[in-house]
Protein backbone atom coordinates (compact mmCIF):
# COMPACT_ATOMS: atom_id res chain seq x y z
CA UNK A 1 39.25 -90.36 -153.56
CA UNK A 2 41.47 -92.98 -152.17
CA UNK A 3 44.79 -94.50 -153.28
CA UNK A 4 45.00 -98.14 -153.04
CA UNK A 5 47.51 -99.95 -150.85
CA UNK A 6 49.78 -101.81 -153.64
CA UNK A 7 49.25 -98.52 -156.11
CA UNK A 8 50.79 -96.49 -152.38
CA UNK A 9 53.14 -98.80 -151.59
CA UNK A 10 54.70 -99.11 -154.99
CA UNK A 11 54.35 -95.17 -154.76
CA UNK A 12 56.47 -95.13 -151.53
CA UNK A 13 58.98 -97.84 -153.08
CA UNK A 14 59.93 -95.43 -156.28
CA UNK A 15 60.24 -92.04 -154.09
CA UNK A 16 63.01 -93.54 -151.94
CA UNK A 17 64.82 -95.58 -155.39
CA UNK A 18 64.51 -91.29 -156.74
CA UNK A 19 65.88 -90.56 -153.47
CA UNK A 20 68.39 -93.08 -153.72
CA UNK A 21 69.73 -91.90 -156.84
CA UNK A 22 70.28 -88.03 -155.81
CA UNK A 23 72.17 -89.74 -152.94
CA UNK A 24 74.09 -91.69 -154.75
CA UNK A 25 74.90 -88.72 -157.55
CA UNK A 26 76.26 -86.41 -153.93
CA UNK A 27 77.98 -88.96 -153.53
CA UNK A 28 79.89 -89.18 -157.28
CA UNK A 29 80.29 -85.74 -157.45
CA UNK A 30 80.90 -85.04 -152.71
CA UNK A 31 84.93 -83.37 -153.61
CA UNK A 32 83.50 -81.09 -156.19
CA UNK A 33 81.06 -80.11 -153.63
CA UNK A 34 82.66 -77.85 -151.68
CA UNK A 35 85.90 -76.66 -154.91
CA UNK A 36 85.60 -73.20 -155.47
CA UNK A 37 86.53 -73.50 -158.76
CA UNK A 38 86.34 -76.46 -161.49
CA UNK A 39 88.11 -76.48 -164.49
CA UNK A 40 85.27 -78.41 -167.49
CA UNK A 41 84.81 -77.49 -170.78
CA UNK A 42 81.86 -75.17 -169.00
CA UNK A 43 83.18 -73.00 -167.18
CA UNK A 44 85.21 -71.44 -169.17
CA UNK A 45 83.31 -68.97 -169.57
CA UNK A 46 84.42 -67.78 -165.44
CA UNK A 47 80.72 -66.21 -165.29
CA UNK A 48 77.56 -66.50 -165.25
CA UNK A 49 76.23 -63.51 -168.20
CA UNK A 50 79.42 -65.28 -170.60
CA UNK A 51 78.17 -68.34 -170.29
CA UNK A 52 74.82 -67.34 -170.81
CA UNK A 53 76.62 -65.98 -174.44
CA UNK A 54 78.15 -68.30 -175.57
CA UNK A 55 75.67 -71.26 -175.16
CA UNK A 56 72.36 -69.45 -176.04
CA UNK A 57 73.44 -66.83 -178.20
CA UNK A 58 71.83 -66.66 -182.02
CA UNK A 59 75.26 -68.77 -182.90
CA UNK A 60 76.95 -70.93 -181.24
CA UNK A 61 80.25 -72.36 -181.74
CA UNK A 62 80.71 -76.26 -182.75
CA UNK A 63 84.04 -77.19 -180.98
CA UNK A 64 85.29 -80.48 -182.61
CA UNK A 65 84.48 -79.18 -186.70
CA UNK A 66 85.81 -75.71 -185.53
CA UNK A 67 82.68 -73.90 -187.31
CA UNK A 68 80.13 -71.88 -186.76
CA UNK A 69 76.07 -73.86 -186.09
CA UNK A 70 72.81 -72.89 -185.50
CA UNK A 71 72.22 -73.18 -181.41
CA UNK A 72 69.63 -75.43 -180.65
CA UNK A 73 66.07 -74.11 -179.87
CA UNK A 74 66.12 -74.95 -176.32
CA UNK A 75 69.25 -75.76 -174.52
CA UNK A 76 68.72 -78.04 -170.48
CA UNK A 77 71.73 -75.33 -169.12
CA UNK A 78 68.31 -72.36 -169.85
CA UNK A 79 67.01 -74.37 -166.81
CA UNK A 80 70.26 -74.29 -164.79
CA UNK A 81 70.83 -71.22 -165.69
CA UNK A 82 67.58 -69.41 -164.33
CA UNK A 83 67.69 -71.32 -161.38
CA UNK A 84 71.58 -70.01 -160.99
CA UNK A 85 70.06 -66.60 -161.62
CA UNK A 86 67.17 -67.26 -159.16
CA UNK A 87 69.72 -68.59 -156.03
CA UNK A 88 72.39 -66.06 -157.15
CA UNK A 89 74.96 -68.11 -157.55
CA UNK A 90 78.04 -68.71 -159.42
CA UNK A 91 79.17 -70.76 -162.78
CA UNK A 92 80.67 -73.68 -161.01
CA UNK A 93 77.91 -74.22 -157.87
CA UNK A 94 75.73 -74.17 -161.06
CA UNK A 95 77.74 -76.48 -163.14
CA UNK A 96 77.96 -78.65 -160.21
CA UNK A 97 73.63 -78.76 -159.77
CA UNK A 98 73.63 -79.25 -163.66
CA UNK A 99 76.62 -82.95 -163.20
CA UNK A 100 74.40 -83.95 -160.25
CA UNK A 101 70.59 -83.46 -161.50
CA UNK A 102 71.41 -85.57 -164.90
CA UNK A 103 73.03 -87.95 -163.01
CA UNK A 104 70.11 -88.59 -160.97
CA UNK A 105 68.15 -88.21 -164.65
CA UNK A 106 69.69 -91.24 -166.14
CA UNK A 107 69.64 -93.49 -162.50
CA UNK A 108 65.58 -92.25 -162.42
CA UNK A 109 65.18 -93.01 -166.75
CA UNK A 110 67.16 -96.26 -166.19
CA UNK A 111 65.62 -97.50 -163.58
CA UNK A 112 61.91 -96.57 -164.62
CA UNK A 113 62.72 -97.96 -167.76
CA UNK A 114 63.77 -101.47 -167.10
CA UNK A 115 61.33 -101.14 -163.84
CA UNK A 116 58.28 -101.01 -167.19
CA UNK A 117 59.60 -103.26 -169.40
CA UNK A 118 60.27 -106.20 -166.53
CA UNK A 119 56.82 -105.20 -164.78
CA UNK A 120 55.43 -106.91 -168.24
CA UNK A 121 57.19 -110.59 -167.39
CA UNK A 122 57.35 -110.32 -163.30
CA UNK A 123 54.07 -109.37 -162.74
CA UNK A 124 53.44 -111.61 -159.71
CA UNK A 125 56.93 -111.13 -158.37
CA UNK A 126 57.30 -107.52 -157.30
CA UNK A 127 60.66 -107.25 -155.49
CA UNK A 128 62.07 -108.27 -158.32
CA UNK A 129 61.79 -105.88 -160.29
CA UNK A 130 62.01 -103.58 -158.67
CA UNK A 131 65.94 -104.50 -157.70
CA UNK A 132 66.97 -105.75 -160.84
CA UNK A 133 65.63 -101.72 -161.85
CA UNK A 134 67.42 -100.10 -159.10
CA UNK A 135 70.72 -102.09 -159.85
CA UNK A 136 70.51 -101.27 -164.18
CA UNK A 137 70.43 -97.82 -162.58
CA UNK A 138 73.25 -97.55 -160.00
CA UNK A 139 75.12 -99.32 -163.48
CA UNK A 140 74.04 -97.01 -165.71
CA UNK A 141 74.74 -94.12 -164.01
CA UNK A 142 78.85 -95.48 -163.51
CA UNK A 143 79.19 -96.81 -166.68
CA UNK A 144 81.75 -95.14 -167.98
CA UNK A 145 81.14 -94.15 -171.89
CA UNK A 146 78.95 -91.81 -169.50
CA UNK A 147 81.52 -91.48 -166.53
CA UNK A 148 84.09 -90.47 -168.51
CA UNK A 149 82.53 -88.23 -171.21
CA UNK A 150 81.53 -85.61 -168.08
CA UNK A 151 82.75 -86.17 -164.46
CA UNK A 152 86.34 -87.03 -165.68
CA UNK A 153 87.12 -84.45 -166.84
CA UNK A 154 86.21 -82.28 -164.13
CA UNK A 155 89.76 -81.16 -162.06
CA UNK A 156 88.56 -79.63 -159.01
CA UNK A 157 90.71 -76.64 -158.19
């Protein structure tokens, strides 16, 4: 089975763009990657075992209202806890890896969404679609409401 030339070119472009979003998210967290400890809500647990007990237990605490609530069926933390356990990472490195991955996924998601929408209207001009979608993803990653709630709360120690 052979892949036609335009499809191969589109796949190559998408892989390059996805790699760029991971590079951008690494650049955002360049100061925290080598940190010994970061102070954020998730690292108050200090150890990975405590983090599992707090964020993945049968009963979770809702910080905003000060009441107990039922846990989610599945949490995105579970994947990162498994990876951190396999790689023997501490909680700080796990949270940094989590932030980098979530920022990259946010940019990639916006890129793919804009690419899907713009392909309907500008199907003849592929470069406009790629550039506009990439810029939308970059702006979304740096959007203050998305960034301030996560990265600006980190205190690197």
